[in-house]
Amino acid sequence: MDEKNVHLDTLQDIKQMMEKSSRFISLSGLSGIGAGICALGGAFFIFRMMVSERARGADYRQLAFETGSEVQQSLLLIGGLTFIAALLVAFVFTYLRSNNTGTTIWSKSARRLLWNTMIPLLVGGIVSIRFIQWGYGGLVAPTCLLFYGLALINGSKYTLSEIRWLGFSELLLGIANLWLIGYGLMFWAFGFGVLHIIYGAMMWWKYEKQ
């Protein structure tokens, strides 16, 4: 009986070693929390801009959807800076956890994860740019959510499986936003901000608290 248990334990250890070698497990829950805070910060600045434009009597939505307008350029700048800040925060916390766990941050599984997530993100970025050029700015927020959700689902097989459920949540938000175009900022803030913070907190509690 003891010998059987030893064999089962050995098989379990081998299975865990194989999973670790094929998956990038150094993603930090703090990365999700940090990225979510950055997204909420970006949404806050956009909201302040929206309030300011309304106080001047300007039609914020029309200016936001008007190709080449100052408001639209400001939105793109805030969105770009928010994305870069979120990436930097995610990288720093992932790098720190990678050092703590003694794993390399640029492993084969990490490269696979990056490749499989970047393709949907790049395509989504191209589609969003074309929507802006055509004057369909209201479709940018749901497009970002949809392609980001697809990127997470596509990359989930190379990292923590819980990322798949975050991806499905982003997809559902993006689909709902297609029928509620005027509420893009709200969906954007909830999808990239609140959901990331919830997910990051859950992952930190499950994998890093100890």
N, C-alpha and C. Protein backbone atom coordinates (compact mmCIF):
# COMPACT_ATOMS: atom_id res chain seq x y z
N MET A 1 0.84 -1.21 0.00
CA MET A 1 0.00 0.00 0.00
C MET A 1 0.87 1.25 0.00
N ASP A 2 1.93 1.24 0.83
CA ASP A 2 2.83 2.38 0.88
C ASP A 2 3.56 2.55 -0.43
N GLU A 3 3.95 1.42 -1.05
CA GLU A 3 4.65 1.49 -2.33
C GLU A 3 3.75 2.10 -3.41
N LYS A 4 2.46 1.76 -3.37
CA LYS A 4 1.49 2.31 -4.33
C LYS A 4 1.37 3.81 -4.15
N ASN A 5 1.32 4.26 -2.90
CA ASN A 5 1.22 5.70 -2.63
C ASN A 5 2.47 6.44 -3.11
N VAL A 6 3.62 5.80 -2.95
CA VAL A 6 4.87 6.40 -3.42
C VAL A 6 4.84 6.59 -4.92
N HIS A 7 4.34 5.57 -5.65
CA HIS A 7 4.25 5.66 -7.10
C HIS A 7 3.29 6.78 -7.52
N LEU A 8 2.17 6.87 -6.80
CA LEU A 8 1.19 7.93 -7.12
C LEU A 8 1.78 9.31 -6.88
N ASP A 9 2.52 9.45 -5.77
CA ASP A 9 3.16 10.73 -5.48
C ASP A 9 4.19 11.08 -6.55
N THR A 10 4.93 10.05 -7.01
CA THR A 10 5.93 10.28 -8.05
C THR A 10 5.30 10.73 -9.35
N LEU A 11 4.19 10.08 -9.72
CA LEU A 11 3.48 10.46 -10.93
C LEU A 11 2.93 11.88 -10.83
N GLN A 12 2.44 12.21 -9.63
CA GLN A 12 1.93 13.57 -9.41
C GLN A 12 3.04 14.60 -9.54
N ASP A 13 4.21 14.28 -9.00
CA ASP A 13 5.35 15.20 -9.11
C ASP A 13 5.77 15.37 -10.57
N ILE A 14 5.78 14.27 -11.32
CA ILE A 14 6.15 14.34 -12.73
C ILE A 14 5.15 15.18 -13.51
N LYS A 15 3.86 15.00 -13.19
CA LYS A 15 2.82 15.79 -13.86
C LYS A 15 3.00 17.27 -13.58
N GLN A 16 3.29 17.62 -12.32
CA GLN A 16 3.48 19.02 -11.96
C GLN A 16 4.71 19.61 -12.65
N MET A 17 5.78 18.81 -12.77
CA MET A 17 6.98 19.27 -13.44
C MET A 17 6.72 19.53 -14.93
N MET A 18 5.92 18.66 -15.55
CA MET A 18 5.60 18.83 -16.96
C MET A 18 4.73 20.06 -17.18
N GLU A 19 3.79 20.29 -16.27
CA GLU A 19 2.94 21.48 -16.37
C GLU A 19 3.76 22.75 -16.22
N LYS A 20 4.70 22.73 -15.27
CA LYS A 20 5.53 23.92 -15.06
C LYS A 20 6.42 24.21 -16.25
N SER A 21 6.90 23.14 -16.92
CA SER A 21 7.78 23.34 -18.06
C SER A 21 7.03 23.82 -19.29
N SER A 22 5.73 23.55 -19.38
CA SER A 22 4.96 23.92 -20.57
C SER A 22 4.11 25.16 -20.36
N ARG A 23 4.06 25.70 -19.12
CA ARG A 23 3.25 26.87 -18.82
C ARG A 23 4.10 27.94 -18.14
N PHE A 24 3.78 29.19 -18.46
CA PHE A 24 4.44 30.32 -17.80
C PHE A 24 3.66 30.63 -16.53
N ILE A 25 4.21 30.25 -15.39
CA ILE A 25 3.47 30.33 -14.13
C ILE A 25 3.96 31.49 -13.25
N SER A 26 4.80 32.36 -13.81
CA SER A 26 5.34 33.46 -13.01
C SER A 26 4.48 34.71 -13.06
N LEU A 27 3.33 34.65 -13.74
CA LEU A 27 2.44 35.80 -13.75
C LEU A 27 2.02 36.12 -12.32
N SER A 28 2.13 37.38 -11.95
CA SER A 28 1.81 37.78 -10.59
C SER A 28 0.41 38.37 -10.51
N GLY A 29 -0.30 38.02 -9.46
CA GLY A 29 -1.62 38.61 -9.24
C GLY A 29 -1.52 40.11 -9.05
N LEU A 30 -0.37 40.56 -8.49
CA LEU A 30 -0.16 42.00 -8.31
C LEU A 30 -0.07 42.71 -9.66
N SER A 31 0.34 41.99 -10.71
CA SER A 31 0.37 42.57 -12.05
C SER A 31 -1.04 42.94 -12.50
N GLY A 32 -1.99 42.03 -12.24
CA GLY A 32 -3.37 42.31 -12.59
C GLY A 32 -3.93 43.49 -11.81
N ILE A 33 -3.61 43.52 -10.52
CA ILE A 33 -4.09 44.63 -9.69
C ILE A 33 -3.50 45.95 -10.18
N GLY A 34 -2.20 45.96 -10.45
CA GLY A 34 -1.55 47.18 -10.92
C GLY A 34 -2.09 47.64 -12.26
N ALA A 35 -2.29 46.70 -13.20
CA ALA A 35 -2.83 47.04 -14.51
C ALA A 35 -4.26 47.60 -14.37
N GLY A 36 -5.03 47.01 -13.47
CA GLY A 36 -6.39 47.48 -13.24
C GLY A 36 -6.42 48.89 -12.70
N ILE A 37 -5.51 49.20 -11.78
CA ILE A 37 -5.43 50.55 -11.22
C ILE A 37 -5.05 51.55 -12.30
N CYS A 38 -4.11 51.17 -13.18
CA CYS A 38 -3.73 52.05 -14.29
C CYS A 38 -4.93 52.33 -15.19
N ALA A 39 -5.72 51.27 -15.48
CA ALA A 39 -6.89 51.44 -16.34
C ALA A 39 -7.92 52.37 -15.70
N LEU A 40 -8.14 52.21 -14.41
CA LEU A 40 -9.09 53.10 -13.72
C LEU A 40 -8.56 54.53 -13.70
N GLY A 41 -7.25 54.68 -13.57
CA GLY A 41 -6.67 56.02 -13.61
C GLY A 41 -6.89 56.68 -14.97
N GLY A 42 -6.69 55.90 -16.05
CA GLY A 42 -6.93 56.43 -17.38
C GLY A 42 -8.39 56.79 -17.59
N ALA A 43 -9.29 55.95 -17.10
CA ALA A 43 -10.72 56.23 -17.22
C ALA A 43 -11.09 57.49 -16.44
N PHE A 44 -10.43 57.70 -15.30
CA PHE A 44 -10.71 58.90 -14.50
C PHE A 44 -10.34 60.17 -15.25
N PHE A 45 -9.17 60.17 -15.90
CA PHE A 45 -8.75 61.34 -16.67
C PHE A 45 -9.67 61.60 -17.85
N ILE A 46 -10.13 60.53 -18.49
CA ILE A 46 -11.07 60.69 -19.61
C ILE A 46 -12.39 61.26 -19.11
N PHE A 47 -12.83 60.78 -17.95
CA PHE A 47 -14.08 61.29 -17.37
C PHE A 47 -13.96 62.77 -17.04
N ARG A 48 -12.82 63.18 -16.48
CA ARG A 48 -12.60 64.59 -16.18
C ARG A 48 -12.63 65.43 -17.46
N MET A 49 -12.05 64.90 -18.52
CA MET A 49 -12.07 65.61 -19.79
C MET A 49 -13.50 65.75 -20.30
N MET A 50 -14.27 64.68 -20.14
CA MET A 50 -15.66 64.69 -20.58
C MET A 50 -16.47 65.74 -19.82
N VAL A 51 -16.27 65.81 -18.51
CA VAL A 51 -16.97 66.80 -17.69
C VAL A 51 -16.56 68.21 -18.09
N SER A 52 -15.27 68.41 -18.36
CA SER A 52 -14.77 69.72 -18.75
C SER A 52 -15.37 70.19 -20.06
N GLU A 53 -15.45 69.27 -21.04
CA GLU A 53 -16.02 69.63 -22.34
C GLU A 53 -17.51 69.95 -22.22
N ARG A 54 -18.20 69.19 -21.40
CA ARG A 54 -19.64 69.46 -21.21
C ARG A 54 -19.85 70.81 -20.51
N ALA A 55 -18.95 71.16 -19.61
CA ALA A 55 -19.06 72.45 -18.91
C ALA A 55 -18.90 73.61 -19.89
N ARG A 56 -18.12 73.38 -20.96
CA ARG A 56 -17.94 74.42 -21.97
C ARG A 56 -19.08 74.42 -23.00
N GLY A 57 -20.01 73.49 -22.82
CA GLY A 57 -21.14 73.41 -23.73
C GLY A 57 -20.85 72.64 -25.00
N ALA A 58 -19.71 71.93 -25.04
CA ALA A 58 -19.34 71.17 -26.23
C ALA A 58 -19.98 69.78 -26.20
N ASP A 59 -20.22 69.23 -27.37
CA ASP A 59 -20.75 67.87 -27.50
C ASP A 59 -19.57 66.90 -27.45
N TYR A 60 -19.34 66.34 -26.29
CA TYR A 60 -18.15 65.50 -26.09
C TYR A 60 -18.14 64.30 -27.02
N ARG A 61 -19.27 63.63 -27.16
CA ARG A 61 -19.31 62.43 -28.00
C ARG A 61 -19.00 62.75 -29.45
N GLN A 62 -19.54 63.87 -29.93
CA GLN A 62 -19.28 64.24 -31.32
C GLN A 62 -17.80 64.54 -31.52
N LEU A 63 -17.20 65.26 -30.57
CA LEU A 63 -15.78 65.58 -30.68
C LEU A 63 -14.92 64.33 -30.56
N ALA A 64 -15.34 63.39 -29.71
CA ALA A 64 -14.58 62.16 -29.52
C ALA A 64 -14.59 61.31 -30.78
N PHE A 65 -15.71 61.35 -31.53
CA PHE A 65 -15.84 60.54 -32.73
C PHE A 65 -15.38 61.28 -33.99
N GLU A 66 -15.08 62.57 -33.85
CA GLU A 66 -14.68 63.38 -35.00
C GLU A 66 -13.20 63.14 -35.29
N THR A 67 -12.92 62.63 -36.48
CA THR A 67 -11.56 62.28 -36.84
C THR A 67 -10.63 63.49 -36.80
N GLY A 68 -9.52 63.34 -36.05
CA GLY A 68 -8.52 64.40 -35.97
C GLY A 68 -8.82 65.50 -34.98
N SER A 69 -9.92 65.42 -34.25
CA SER A 69 -10.25 66.47 -33.28
C SER A 69 -9.28 66.42 -32.10
N GLU A 70 -9.17 67.55 -31.40
CA GLU A 70 -8.27 67.62 -30.26
C GLU A 70 -8.69 66.64 -29.16
N VAL A 71 -9.99 66.50 -28.97
CA VAL A 71 -10.49 65.57 -27.96
C VAL A 71 -10.11 64.13 -28.32
N GLN A 72 -10.28 63.78 -29.58
CA GLN A 72 -9.94 62.42 -30.00
C GLN A 72 -8.45 62.15 -29.84
N GLN A 73 -7.61 63.13 -30.18
CA GLN A 73 -6.17 62.96 -30.01
C GLN A 73 -5.81 62.80 -28.53
N SER A 74 -6.50 63.55 -27.67
CA SER A 74 -6.25 63.42 -26.23
C SER A 74 -6.66 62.04 -25.74
N LEU A 75 -7.78 61.54 -26.25
CA LEU A 75 -8.23 60.20 -25.87
C LEU A 75 -7.22 59.14 -26.27
N LEU A 76 -6.70 59.26 -27.49
CA LEU A 76 -5.70 58.30 -27.96
C LEU A 76 -4.42 58.38 -27.13
N LEU A 77 -4.04 59.61 -26.75
CA LEU A 77 -2.84 59.77 -25.93
C LEU A 77 -3.03 59.14 -24.55
N ILE A 78 -4.16 59.41 -23.93
CA ILE A 78 -4.43 58.83 -22.60
C ILE A 78 -4.49 57.30 -22.69
N GLY A 79 -5.17 56.80 -23.74
CA GLY A 79 -5.25 55.35 -23.92
C GLY A 79 -3.89 54.73 -24.11
N GLY A 80 -3.03 55.36 -24.93
CA GLY A 80 -1.69 54.83 -25.16
C GLY A 80 -0.83 54.84 -23.91
N LEU A 81 -0.87 55.95 -23.16
CA LEU A 81 -0.09 56.05 -21.93
C LEU A 81 -0.58 55.04 -20.89
N THR A 82 -1.89 54.85 -20.82
CA THR A 82 -2.45 53.88 -19.88
C THR A 82 -1.98 52.46 -20.22
N PHE A 83 -1.99 52.15 -21.51
CA PHE A 83 -1.56 50.81 -21.96
C PHE A 83 -0.09 50.59 -21.61
N ILE A 84 0.76 51.59 -21.88
CA ILE A 84 2.18 51.46 -21.59
C ILE A 84 2.42 51.32 -20.09
N ALA A 85 1.72 52.13 -19.29
CA ALA A 85 1.88 52.06 -17.83
C ALA A 85 1.46 50.69 -17.30
N ALA A 86 0.35 50.16 -17.83
CA ALA A 86 -0.12 48.84 -17.38
C ALA A 86 0.89 47.75 -17.74
N LEU A 87 1.47 47.85 -18.95
CA LEU A 87 2.48 46.86 -19.35
C LEU A 87 3.71 46.92 -18.46
N LEU A 88 4.15 48.12 -18.14
CA LEU A 88 5.33 48.27 -17.29
C LEU A 88 5.09 47.72 -15.89
N VAL A 89 3.91 48.04 -15.33
CA VAL A 89 3.58 47.54 -14.00
C VAL A 89 3.49 46.01 -14.00
N ALA A 90 2.84 45.46 -15.03
CA ALA A 90 2.72 44.00 -15.13
C ALA A 90 4.09 43.35 -15.26
N PHE A 91 4.97 43.97 -16.05
CA PHE A 91 6.31 43.40 -16.23
C PHE A 91 7.10 43.42 -14.92
N VAL A 92 7.05 44.54 -14.20
CA VAL A 92 7.82 44.66 -12.95
C VAL A 92 7.40 43.60 -11.94
N PHE A 93 6.09 43.47 -11.71
CA PHE A 93 5.63 42.49 -10.72
C PHE A 93 5.89 41.06 -11.17
N THR A 94 5.76 40.80 -12.47
CA THR A 94 6.04 39.46 -12.98
C THR A 94 7.53 39.15 -12.86
N TYR A 95 8.36 40.14 -13.14
CA TYR A 95 9.80 39.97 -13.01
C TYR A 95 10.19 39.67 -11.55
N LEU A 96 9.59 40.39 -10.63
CA LEU A 96 9.89 40.17 -9.22
C LEU A 96 9.46 38.77 -8.77
N ARG A 97 8.27 38.35 -9.22
CA ARG A 97 7.83 37.01 -8.82
C ARG A 97 8.69 35.94 -9.47
N SER A 98 9.11 36.19 -10.71
CA SER A 98 9.98 35.24 -11.38
C SER A 98 11.28 35.06 -10.61
N ASN A 99 11.83 36.15 -10.08
CA ASN A 99 13.04 36.05 -9.26
C ASN A 99 12.78 35.29 -7.96
N ASN A 100 11.62 35.55 -7.36
CA ASN A 100 11.30 34.89 -6.08
C ASN A 100 11.10 33.39 -6.26
N THR A 101 10.55 32.98 -7.40
CA THR A 101 10.31 31.56 -7.63
C THR A 101 11.48 30.87 -8.30
N GLY A 102 12.50 31.63 -8.68
CA GLY A 102 13.68 31.03 -9.29
C GLY A 102 13.46 30.57 -10.71
N THR A 103 12.52 31.17 -11.42
CA THR A 103 12.25 30.80 -12.81
C THR A 103 12.65 31.95 -13.73
N THR A 104 12.94 31.61 -14.98
CA THR A 104 13.32 32.63 -15.94
C THR A 104 12.08 33.30 -16.53
N ILE A 105 12.17 34.60 -16.74
CA ILE A 105 11.02 35.34 -17.26
C ILE A 105 10.92 35.21 -18.77
N TRP A 106 12.01 34.79 -19.44
CA TRP A 106 12.00 34.69 -20.89
C TRP A 106 12.20 33.23 -21.30
N SER A 107 11.32 32.37 -20.79
CA SER A 107 11.37 30.95 -21.11
C SER A 107 10.62 30.67 -22.41
N LYS A 108 10.68 29.43 -22.85
CA LYS A 108 9.97 29.03 -24.07
C LYS A 108 8.47 29.21 -23.91
N SER A 109 7.95 28.87 -22.74
CA SER A 109 6.52 29.03 -22.49
C SER A 109 6.13 30.51 -22.45
N ALA A 110 7.03 31.37 -21.94
CA ALA A 110 6.75 32.81 -21.92
C ALA A 110 6.68 33.36 -23.34
N ARG A 111 7.57 32.90 -24.21
CA ARG A 111 7.57 33.35 -25.60
C ARG A 111 6.30 32.88 -26.31
N ARG A 112 5.87 31.67 -26.02
CA ARG A 112 4.62 31.17 -26.61
C ARG A 112 3.43 31.99 -26.12
N LEU A 113 3.42 32.30 -24.84
CA LEU A 113 2.35 33.12 -24.27
C LEU A 113 2.32 34.49 -24.95
N LEU A 114 3.49 35.11 -25.08
CA LEU A 114 3.56 36.44 -25.70
C LEU A 114 3.07 36.39 -27.14
N TRP A 115 3.53 35.41 -27.89
CA TRP A 115 3.16 35.30 -29.30
C TRP A 115 1.66 35.10 -29.47
N ASN A 116 1.08 34.22 -28.66
CA ASN A 116 -0.34 33.88 -28.81
C ASN A 116 -1.28 34.97 -28.32
N THR A 117 -0.79 35.84 -27.45
CA THR A 117 -1.62 36.96 -27.00
C THR A 117 -1.44 38.19 -27.88
N MET A 118 -0.24 38.38 -28.43
CA MET A 118 0.04 39.57 -29.21
C MET A 118 -0.69 39.58 -30.55
N ILE A 119 -0.88 38.41 -31.16
CA ILE A 119 -1.54 38.38 -32.47
C ILE A 119 -2.96 38.96 -32.40
N PRO A 120 -3.84 38.46 -31.50
CA PRO A 120 -5.18 39.08 -31.39
C PRO A 120 -5.11 40.55 -31.00
N LEU A 121 -4.16 40.92 -30.12
CA LEU A 121 -4.06 42.32 -29.70
C LEU A 121 -3.67 43.22 -30.86
N LEU A 122 -2.73 42.79 -31.69
CA LEU A 122 -2.31 43.58 -32.84
C LEU A 122 -3.44 43.74 -33.85
N VAL A 123 -4.15 42.64 -34.10
CA VAL A 123 -5.29 42.70 -35.03
C VAL A 123 -6.36 43.63 -34.48
N GLY A 124 -6.64 43.52 -33.18
CA GLY A 124 -7.63 44.39 -32.56
C GLY A 124 -7.22 45.85 -32.64
N GLY A 125 -5.90 46.12 -32.47
CA GLY A 125 -5.42 47.49 -32.59
C GLY A 125 -5.60 48.05 -33.99
N ILE A 126 -5.34 47.22 -35.00
CA ILE A 126 -5.51 47.65 -36.39
C ILE A 126 -6.99 47.93 -36.69
N VAL A 127 -7.86 47.04 -36.23
CA VAL A 127 -9.30 47.24 -36.44
C VAL A 127 -9.77 48.51 -35.75
N SER A 128 -9.29 48.75 -34.54
CA SER A 128 -9.69 49.96 -33.80
C SER A 128 -9.25 51.22 -34.52
N ILE A 129 -8.02 51.21 -35.05
CA ILE A 129 -7.51 52.38 -35.78
C ILE A 129 -8.37 52.65 -37.02
N ARG A 130 -8.77 51.60 -37.72
CA ARG A 130 -9.60 51.79 -38.91
C ARG A 130 -10.98 52.33 -38.53
N PHE A 131 -11.53 51.86 -37.42
CA PHE A 131 -12.82 52.38 -36.95
C PHE A 131 -12.71 53.88 -36.66
N ILE A 132 -11.61 54.28 -36.03
CA ILE A 132 -11.41 55.69 -35.73
C ILE A 132 -11.31 56.50 -37.03
N GLN A 133 -10.56 55.97 -37.99
CA GLN A 133 -10.41 56.67 -39.27
C GLN A 133 -11.73 56.79 -40.01
N TRP A 134 -12.60 55.82 -39.87
CA TRP A 134 -13.91 55.86 -40.53
C TRP A 134 -14.94 56.66 -39.74
N GLY A 135 -14.56 57.12 -38.55
CA GLY A 135 -15.49 57.88 -37.74
C GLY A 135 -16.41 57.03 -36.88
N TYR A 136 -16.04 55.76 -36.68
CA TYR A 136 -16.83 54.87 -35.84
C TYR A 136 -16.17 54.70 -34.47
N GLY A 137 -15.86 55.83 -33.83
CA GLY A 137 -15.16 55.77 -32.56
C GLY A 137 -15.92 55.04 -31.47
N GLY A 138 -17.24 55.00 -31.58
CA GLY A 138 -18.03 54.30 -30.57
C GLY A 138 -17.80 52.81 -30.53
N LEU A 139 -17.19 52.26 -31.60
CA LEU A 139 -16.94 50.82 -31.65
C LEU A 139 -15.56 50.44 -31.10
N VAL A 140 -14.77 51.45 -30.74
CA VAL A 140 -13.41 51.16 -30.29
C VAL A 140 -13.41 50.41 -28.96
N ALA A 141 -14.19 50.88 -27.99
CA ALA A 141 -14.21 50.24 -26.66
C ALA A 141 -14.64 48.77 -26.74
N PRO A 142 -15.78 48.44 -27.39
CA PRO A 142 -16.14 47.02 -27.48
C PRO A 142 -15.13 46.21 -28.28
N THR A 143 -14.52 46.82 -29.30
CA THR A 143 -13.51 46.10 -30.09
C THR A 143 -12.31 45.75 -29.23
N CYS A 144 -11.86 46.70 -28.41
CA CYS A 144 -10.74 46.44 -27.50
C CYS A 144 -11.06 45.30 -26.53
N LEU A 145 -12.25 45.33 -25.97
CA LEU A 145 -12.65 44.29 -25.02
C LEU A 145 -12.73 42.92 -25.70
N LEU A 146 -13.29 42.88 -26.91
CA LEU A 146 -13.47 41.61 -27.61
C LEU A 146 -12.13 40.99 -27.98
N PHE A 147 -11.24 41.78 -28.57
CA PHE A 147 -9.95 41.22 -29.00
C PHE A 147 -9.06 40.92 -27.80
N TYR A 148 -9.18 41.69 -26.74
CA TYR A 148 -8.42 41.40 -25.54
C TYR A 148 -8.89 40.08 -24.92
N GLY A 149 -10.20 39.89 -24.90
CA GLY A 149 -10.73 38.62 -24.40
C GLY A 149 -10.24 37.45 -25.21
N LEU A 150 -10.23 37.59 -26.54
CA LEU A 150 -9.73 36.53 -27.41
C LEU A 150 -8.24 36.27 -27.16
N ALA A 151 -7.47 37.35 -26.91
CA ALA A 151 -6.05 37.20 -26.63
C ALA A 151 -5.82 36.40 -25.34
N LEU A 152 -6.60 36.70 -24.32
CA LEU A 152 -6.46 35.98 -23.05
C LEU A 152 -6.82 34.51 -23.21
N ILE A 153 -7.90 34.24 -23.91
CA ILE A 153 -8.33 32.85 -24.11
C ILE A 153 -7.28 32.11 -24.93
N ASN A 154 -6.74 32.77 -25.95
CA ASN A 154 -5.75 32.13 -26.81
C ASN A 154 -4.46 31.83 -26.07
N GLY A 155 -4.08 32.72 -25.14
CA GLY A 155 -2.84 32.53 -24.41
C GLY A 155 -2.97 31.73 -23.14
N SER A 156 -4.20 31.43 -22.73
CA SER A 156 -4.41 30.77 -21.43
C SER A 156 -3.82 29.37 -21.39
N LYS A 157 -3.66 28.73 -22.54
CA LYS A 157 -3.11 27.37 -22.53
C LYS A 157 -1.62 27.35 -22.23
N TYR A 158 -1.00 28.53 -22.19
CA TYR A 158 0.43 28.61 -21.89
C TYR A 158 0.72 29.26 -20.55
N THR A 159 -0.31 29.49 -19.75
CA THR A 159 -0.11 30.08 -18.43
C THR A 159 -1.21 29.59 -17.49
N LEU A 160 -1.50 30.32 -16.43
CA LEU A 160 -2.51 29.91 -15.47
C LEU A 160 -3.87 29.80 -16.15
N SER A 161 -4.55 28.70 -15.91
CA SER A 161 -5.81 28.43 -16.60
C SER A 161 -6.91 29.43 -16.23
N GLU A 162 -6.77 30.09 -15.07
CA GLU A 162 -7.79 31.05 -14.65
C GLU A 162 -7.89 32.24 -15.61
N ILE A 163 -6.83 32.48 -16.38
CA ILE A 163 -6.85 33.61 -17.33
C ILE A 163 -7.96 33.42 -18.35
N ARG A 164 -8.29 32.16 -18.64
CA ARG A 164 -9.35 31.88 -19.63
C ARG A 164 -10.67 32.50 -19.19
N TRP A 165 -10.96 32.41 -17.90
CA TRP A 165 -12.24 32.94 -17.41
C TRP A 165 -12.25 34.46 -17.44
N LEU A 166 -11.11 35.07 -17.22
CA LEU A 166 -11.02 36.52 -17.39
C LEU A 166 -11.28 36.89 -18.84
N GLY A 167 -10.75 36.07 -19.76
CA GLY A 167 -10.99 36.31 -21.18
C GLY A 167 -12.45 36.21 -21.55
N PHE A 168 -13.14 35.20 -21.03
CA PHE A 168 -14.57 35.05 -21.31
C PHE A 168 -15.36 36.25 -20.76
N SER A 169 -14.95 36.74 -19.60
CA SER A 169 -15.63 37.90 -19.00
C SER A 169 -15.46 39.13 -19.88
N GLU A 170 -14.24 39.32 -20.42
CA GLU A 170 -13.99 40.45 -21.31
C GLU A 170 -14.83 40.32 -22.59
N LEU A 171 -14.96 39.12 -23.10
CA LEU A 171 -15.78 38.90 -24.30
C LEU A 171 -17.24 39.28 -24.05
N LEU A 172 -17.77 38.83 -22.93
CA LEU A 172 -19.17 39.15 -22.60
C LEU A 172 -19.38 40.65 -22.47
N LEU A 173 -18.43 41.34 -21.85
CA LEU A 173 -18.54 42.80 -21.73
C LEU A 173 -18.49 43.47 -23.10
N GLY A 174 -17.59 42.99 -23.96
CA GLY A 174 -17.47 43.56 -25.29
C GLY A 174 -18.73 43.37 -26.10
N ILE A 175 -19.33 42.19 -26.00
CA ILE A 175 -20.58 41.93 -26.74
C ILE A 175 -21.70 42.82 -26.22
N ALA A 176 -21.81 42.94 -24.90
CA ALA A 176 -22.84 43.81 -24.32
C ALA A 176 -22.64 45.26 -24.75
N ASN A 177 -21.37 45.69 -24.82
CA ASN A 177 -21.07 47.07 -25.19
C ASN A 177 -21.47 47.39 -26.63
N LEU A 178 -21.55 46.37 -27.48
CA LEU A 178 -21.97 46.58 -28.87
C LEU A 178 -23.41 47.09 -28.94
N TRP A 179 -24.20 46.77 -27.94
CA TRP A 179 -25.59 47.23 -27.91
C TRP A 179 -25.76 48.47 -27.02
N LEU A 180 -24.67 48.89 -26.38
CA LEU A 180 -24.70 50.07 -25.51
C LEU A 180 -23.50 50.95 -25.85
N ILE A 181 -23.48 51.43 -27.09
CA ILE A 181 -22.32 52.14 -27.61
C ILE A 181 -21.97 53.37 -26.79
N GLY A 182 -22.94 54.09 -26.32
CA GLY A 182 -22.67 55.34 -25.60
C GLY A 182 -22.05 55.16 -24.23
N TYR A 183 -21.88 53.91 -23.78
CA TYR A 183 -21.35 53.65 -22.45
C TYR A 183 -19.98 52.97 -22.52
N GLY A 184 -19.24 53.28 -23.58
CA GLY A 184 -17.94 52.64 -23.78
C GLY A 184 -16.97 52.86 -22.64
N LEU A 185 -16.93 54.08 -22.09
CA LEU A 185 -16.00 54.37 -21.00
C LEU A 185 -16.31 53.52 -19.78
N MET A 186 -17.59 53.35 -19.49
CA MET A 186 -17.99 52.54 -18.34
C MET A 186 -17.57 51.08 -18.52
N PHE A 187 -17.84 50.54 -19.71
CA PHE A 187 -17.45 49.15 -19.98
C PHE A 187 -15.94 49.01 -19.98
N TRP A 188 -15.25 49.99 -20.56
CA TRP A 188 -13.80 49.96 -20.63
C TRP A 188 -13.20 49.95 -19.23
N ALA A 189 -13.72 50.82 -18.35
CA ALA A 189 -13.21 50.91 -16.98
C ALA A 189 -13.48 49.63 -16.21
N PHE A 190 -14.67 49.06 -16.40
CA PHE A 190 -15.00 47.84 -15.68
C PHE A 190 -14.18 46.65 -16.19
N GLY A 191 -14.06 46.55 -17.52
CA GLY A 191 -13.35 45.41 -18.10
C GLY A 191 -11.86 45.42 -17.83
N PHE A 192 -11.22 46.57 -18.10
CA PHE A 192 -9.77 46.65 -17.95
C PHE A 192 -9.36 47.07 -16.54
N GLY A 193 -10.27 47.66 -15.79
CA GLY A 193 -9.95 48.11 -14.45
C GLY A 193 -10.43 47.16 -13.37
N VAL A 194 -11.73 47.14 -13.16
CA VAL A 194 -12.31 46.37 -12.04
C VAL A 194 -12.04 44.87 -12.18
N LEU A 195 -12.27 44.32 -13.37
CA LEU A 195 -12.07 42.87 -13.55
C LEU A 195 -10.61 42.49 -13.32
N HIS A 196 -9.67 43.33 -13.75
CA HIS A 196 -8.26 43.02 -13.53
C HIS A 196 -7.92 43.02 -12.04
N ILE A 197 -8.47 43.97 -11.32
CA ILE A 197 -8.20 44.03 -9.89
C ILE A 197 -8.77 42.82 -9.18
N ILE A 198 -10.01 42.43 -9.53
CA ILE A 198 -10.63 41.25 -8.92
C ILE A 198 -9.83 40.00 -9.25
N TYR A 199 -9.49 39.85 -10.53
CA TYR A 199 -8.71 38.68 -10.96
C TYR A 199 -7.35 38.65 -10.26
N GLY A 200 -6.66 39.80 -10.25
CA GLY A 200 -5.34 39.85 -9.63
C GLY A 200 -5.38 39.51 -8.16
N ALA A 201 -6.40 40.01 -7.46
CA ALA A 201 -6.53 39.72 -6.03
C ALA A 201 -6.77 38.23 -5.80
N MET A 202 -7.61 37.63 -6.63
CA MET A 202 -7.88 36.20 -6.50
C MET A 202 -6.62 35.36 -6.76
N MET A 203 -5.85 35.74 -7.79
CA MET A 203 -4.63 34.99 -8.12
C MET A 203 -3.57 35.17 -7.04
N TRP A 204 -3.48 36.39 -6.49
CA TRP A 204 -2.52 36.60 -5.40
C TRP A 204 -2.90 35.76 -4.19
N TRP A 205 -4.18 35.73 -3.86
CA TRP A 205 -4.65 34.96 -2.70
C TRP A 205 -4.42 33.47 -2.91
N LYS A 206 -4.59 33.00 -4.12
CA LYS A 206 -4.49 31.56 -4.39
C LYS A 206 -3.06 31.09 -4.53
N TYR A 207 -2.19 31.87 -5.18
CA TYR A 207 -0.86 31.39 -5.52
C TYR A 207 0.29 32.08 -4.78
N GLU A 208 0.07 33.31 -4.26
CA GLU A 208 1.21 34.06 -3.75
C GLU A 208 1.11 34.43 -2.28
N LYS A 209 -0.05 34.29 -1.68
CA LYS A 209 -0.22 34.73 -0.30
C LYS A 209 0.79 34.07 0.64
N GLN A 210 1.07 32.80 0.41
CA GLN A 210 1.98 32.11 1.30
C GLN A 210 3.41 32.56 1.12
